[in-house]
């Protein structure tokens, strides 16, 4: 491993550490931390619900397309 890649990996680790520290400071703030955590929790819950609905819609769409394809094949083949 050369010196440039080592410097980049050290810089990457440093930046990740700074980001995690800033996030911890942001969420653990004694004055507004409770509100921020509740807001983050609500947004995560909402994203999970939306994702579940999208997955359900896509799976129903694919099932319907498969049924249609099966019907077309049955029509073409005796």
C-alpha atoms as a PDB file:
ATOM      1  CA  UNK A   1       0.000   0.000   0.000  1.00  0.00           C
ATOM      2  CA  UNK A   2       1.438   3.375  -0.901  1.00  0.00           C
ATOM      3  CA  UNK A   3       1.479   6.550   1.185  1.00  0.00           C
ATOM      4  CA  UNK A   4      -1.301   8.290  -0.784  1.00  0.00           C
ATOM      5  CA  UNK A   5      -3.879   5.558  -0.174  1.00  0.00           C
ATOM      6  CA  UNK A   6      -2.936   5.429   3.516  1.00  0.00           C
ATOM      7  CA  UNK A   7      -3.444   9.180   3.830  1.00  0.00           C
ATOM      8  CA  UNK A   8      -6.811   8.921   2.098  1.00  0.00           C
ATOM      9  CA  UNK A   9      -7.941   6.096   4.384  1.00  0.00           C
ATOM     10  CA  UNK A  10      -6.880   8.070   7.473  1.00  0.00           C
ATOM     11  CA  UNK A  11      -8.710  11.128   6.179  1.00  0.00           C
ATOM     12  CA  UNK A  12     -11.809   9.031   5.469  1.00  0.00           C
ATOM     13  CA  UNK A  13     -11.760   7.637   9.011  1.00  0.00           C
ATOM     14  CA  UNK A  14     -11.330  11.130  10.415  1.00  0.00           C
ATOM     15  CA  UNK A  15     -14.273  12.466   8.398  1.00  0.00           C
ATOM     16  CA  UNK A  16     -16.489   9.554   9.475  1.00  0.00           C
ATOM     17  CA  UNK A  17     -15.542  10.195  13.092  1.00  0.00           C
ATOM     18  CA  UNK A  18     -16.380  13.877  12.775  1.00  0.00           C
ATOM     19  CA  UNK A  19     -19.727  13.054  11.136  1.00  0.00           C
ATOM     20  CA  UNK A  20     -20.677  10.517  13.826  1.00  0.00           C
ATOM     21  CA  UNK A  21     -19.649  12.957  16.558  1.00  0.00           C
ATOM     22  CA  UNK A  22     -21.697  15.755  15.024  1.00  0.00           C
ATOM     23  CA  UNK A  23     -24.720  13.470  14.721  1.00  0.00           C
ATOM     24  CA  UNK A  24     -24.372  12.364  18.336  1.00  0.00           C
ATOM     25  CA  UNK A  25     -24.069  15.975  19.487  1.00  0.00           C
ATOM     26  CA  UNK A  26     -27.110  16.925  17.403  1.00  0.00           C
ATOM     27  CA  UNK A  27     -29.314  14.111  18.746  1.00  0.00           C
ATOM     28  CA  UNK A  28     -28.098  14.156  22.364  1.00  0.00           C
ATOM     29  CA  UNK A  29     -28.545  17.893  22.820  1.00  0.00           C
ATOM     30  CA  UNK A  30     -30.221  18.354  26.231  1.00  0.00           C
ATOM     31  CA  UNK A  31     -32.453  21.214  25.056  1.00  0.00           C
ATOM     32  CA  UNK A  32     -33.803  20.021  21.700  1.00  0.00           C
ATOM     33  CA  UNK A  33     -32.572  16.426  21.522  1.00  0.00           C
ATOM     34  CA  UNK A  34     -35.931  14.888  22.513  1.00  0.00           C
ATOM     35  CA  UNK A  35     -37.719  16.754  19.726  1.00  0.00           C
ATOM     36  CA  UNK A  36     -35.075  15.856  17.162  1.00  0.00           C
ATOM     37  CA  UNK A  37     -35.130  12.181  18.115  1.00  0.00           C
ATOM     38  CA  UNK A  38     -38.940  12.097  17.950  1.00  0.00           C
ATOM     39  CA  UNK A  39     -38.882  13.785  14.550  1.00  0.00           C
ATOM     40  CA  UNK A  40     -36.256  11.343  13.253  1.00  0.00           C
ATOM     41  CA  UNK A  41     -38.262   8.393  14.625  1.00  0.00           C
ATOM     42  CA  UNK A  42     -41.447   9.670  12.965  1.00  0.00           C
ATOM     43  CA  UNK A  43     -39.688  10.151   9.641  1.00  0.00           C
ATOM     44  CA  UNK A  44     -38.187   6.661   9.777  1.00  0.00           C
ATOM     45  CA  UNK A  45     -41.598   5.153  10.578  1.00  0.00           C
ATOM     46  CA  UNK A  46     -43.191   7.070   7.712  1.00  0.00           C
ATOM     47  CA  UNK A  47     -40.461   5.926   5.314  1.00  0.00           C
ATOM     48  CA  UNK A  48     -40.983   2.297   6.391  1.00  0.00           C
ATOM     49  CA  UNK A  49     -44.730   2.560   5.781  1.00  0.00           C
ATOM     50  CA  UNK A  50     -44.239   4.165   2.347  1.00  0.00           C
ATOM     51  CA  UNK A  51     -41.660   1.535   1.392  1.00  0.00           C
ATOM     52  CA  UNK A  52     -43.982  -1.273   2.469  1.00  0.00           C
ATOM     53  CA  UNK A  53     -46.810   0.164   0.387  1.00  0.00           C
ATOM     54  CA  UNK A  54     -44.548   0.499  -2.652  1.00  0.00           C
ATOM     55  CA  UNK A  55     -43.267  -3.066  -2.297  1.00  0.00           C
ATOM     56  CA  UNK A  56     -46.853  -4.320  -1.972  1.00  0.00           C
ATOM     57  CA  UNK A  57     -47.948  -2.398  -5.076  1.00  0.00           C
ATOM     58  CA  UNK A  58     -44.969  -3.633  -7.110  1.00  0.00           C
ATOM     59  CA  UNK A  59     -45.504  -7.235  -6.055  1.00  0.00           C
ATOM     60  CA  UNK A  60     -49.196  -7.078  -6.991  1.00  0.00           C
ATOM     61  CA  UNK A  61     -48.236  -5.512 -10.337  1.00  0.00           C
ATOM     62  CA  UNK A  62     -45.732  -8.275 -11.065  1.00  0.00           C
ATOM     63  CA  UNK A  63     -48.240 -10.962 -10.059  1.00  0.00           C
ATOM     64  CA  UNK A  64     -50.836  -9.471 -12.381  1.00  0.00           C
ATOM     65  CA  UNK A  65     -48.335  -9.252 -15.238  1.00  0.00           C
ATOM     66  CA  UNK A  66     -47.402 -12.905 -14.704  1.00  0.00           C
ATOM     67  CA  UNK A  67     -51.084 -13.889 -14.825  1.00  0.00           C
ATOM     68  CA  UNK A  68     -51.504 -11.935 -18.034  1.00  0.00           C
ATOM     69  CA  UNK A  69     -48.446 -13.529 -19.599  1.00  0.00           C
ATOM     70  CA  UNK A  70     -49.677 -16.977 -18.581  1.00  0.00           C
ATOM     71  CA  UNK A  71     -53.056 -16.243 -20.183  1.00  0.00           C
ATOM     72  CA  UNK A  72     -51.381 -15.073 -23.392  1.00  0.00           C
ATOM     73  CA  UNK A  73     -49.236 -18.227 -23.553  1.00  0.00           C
ATOM     74  CA  UNK A  74     -52.292 -20.421 -22.997  1.00  0.00           C
ATOM     75  CA  UNK A  75     -54.078 -18.580 -25.790  1.00  0.00           C
ATOM     76  CA  UNK A  76     -51.184 -19.035 -28.244  1.00  0.00           C
ATOM     77  CA  UNK A  77     -50.389 -22.649 -27.345  1.00  0.00           C
ATOM     78  CA  UNK A  78     -53.233 -25.168 -27.659  1.00  0.00           C
END
